[in-house]
Amino acid sequence: MQSRTKLFLTILFPIQIIVIKIFSFFPEFVERFYSNGIFVYTSKILRYVFGWLPFSFGDILYCVLIVLLIRFLILKVFKKGVPWKEVGLDVGATISIIYASFHMLWGMNYYRLPLHEILKIDDQYTESELIKVSEKLITQANSLHAKLESNDSLSIQIPYTKEEIFQKSVPAYDQLNGILPTLNYEPKSIKRSILSLPLTYMGFSGYLNPLTNEAQVNGLILDYKAPTTSCHEEAHQLGFAKENEANFIAALTTMNYNDIYFNYSGTTFALKFCLNDLYRRNEEKAICLIEELRPGIRKNYREVNEFWESYENPLEPIFKGTYDKYLKANNQPDGMDTYSYVVALLVNYYKN
């Protein structure tokens, strides 16, 4: 790449930031012309191109980029007489290209209409409404657990492989057509991440590669969590960039699918958000509701906590802190602390 081109791309970077900021003030425009327009076609093209591969092309791409970064540091930075002007242009041009690609291929979805406006529901709720929905979900979770396991003290083990869960997630999304007609998940592009071990140590269940539109699921997570994790990453694929909205769609998808194991995974997933939020508002009432759960459900929750605790390490808070800052920089002011809006969607959707 010539120096003149690098300079042009570097100058273009702050201009891009300004343009994106302007777009953020017009969510209706982004919703209509990007999320339900350009993105529908570009995302499908990417899933057709990469979805058929039995491995994650996006993971390999990240590995190659890391190797190229190391090579760049060795050849141009970690040496005497650093050509700072050249290095600056290289870095500026690269960041500019990545920033443009990210927003054109997926990132503009951060600035679409909030999901509660799309669903035409409220985004506020009272403690009494939260308690009512939590009790409803507890009744539903206990009923599902009883159907799956006669011994109320045993946790539920999902009898599907992760590949089978990925396959089932496609018709699960088809059943949402009456609720969110725009969610047409075709073709499928969801895979085990080949970086599952690093993801686990970083504390993540999965991620979406915005450059290839591949949904990556951590292959090490418990199968009990795989249905909601898969549907969460697929919600990202379909243009719901915000974590709280993807969590709600994952709950909605799994709870409405005609599969009792998906229903159990989704119901307990939604319930945990509600109980966590209630605990912060009314600790005593939350503890009383938790006691109403069958012991096997509480055991499922403990198994998930124990899994993540077994991989705790000093670097995990750094990775999560970095991701928290990334979320705040992309129109999610609460960062990783997104319980309130997830619960607002759940309560207002299920309160009647």
Foldseek 3Di string as FASTA:
>chain_A
DDLVLLVVLLVCQVVVVVVLVVVLVPQACCVVPPLLHQQVVLLQVLCVVAQVDQADPLLVVVVVVVVVVVVCCVPAPPDPPHPVVVVVSVVSNVVSVVVVLLCNQAQSLLRHDDVCVVQVWDQDDDLVLLLLLLLVLQVVLQVLVCVQDVQLQAADADPDQLVVLQVLLQVLQVLCCVRPVLRRCPDRAEHEHPCLVVCLLLPDQWEADSNSLHTYGRNPAGPLQSQLSSQLSSVSSSRNVANLVSNLRSLVSQCRDPDSSSVNSSSLSLSVLSLVVSCVVPVVSSVVSVVSHRNNSVVVVVVNVVSSVVSYDPCNVVSQVVQQVVNCVSNNVRRPPDSSSSSSVSSRVPSD
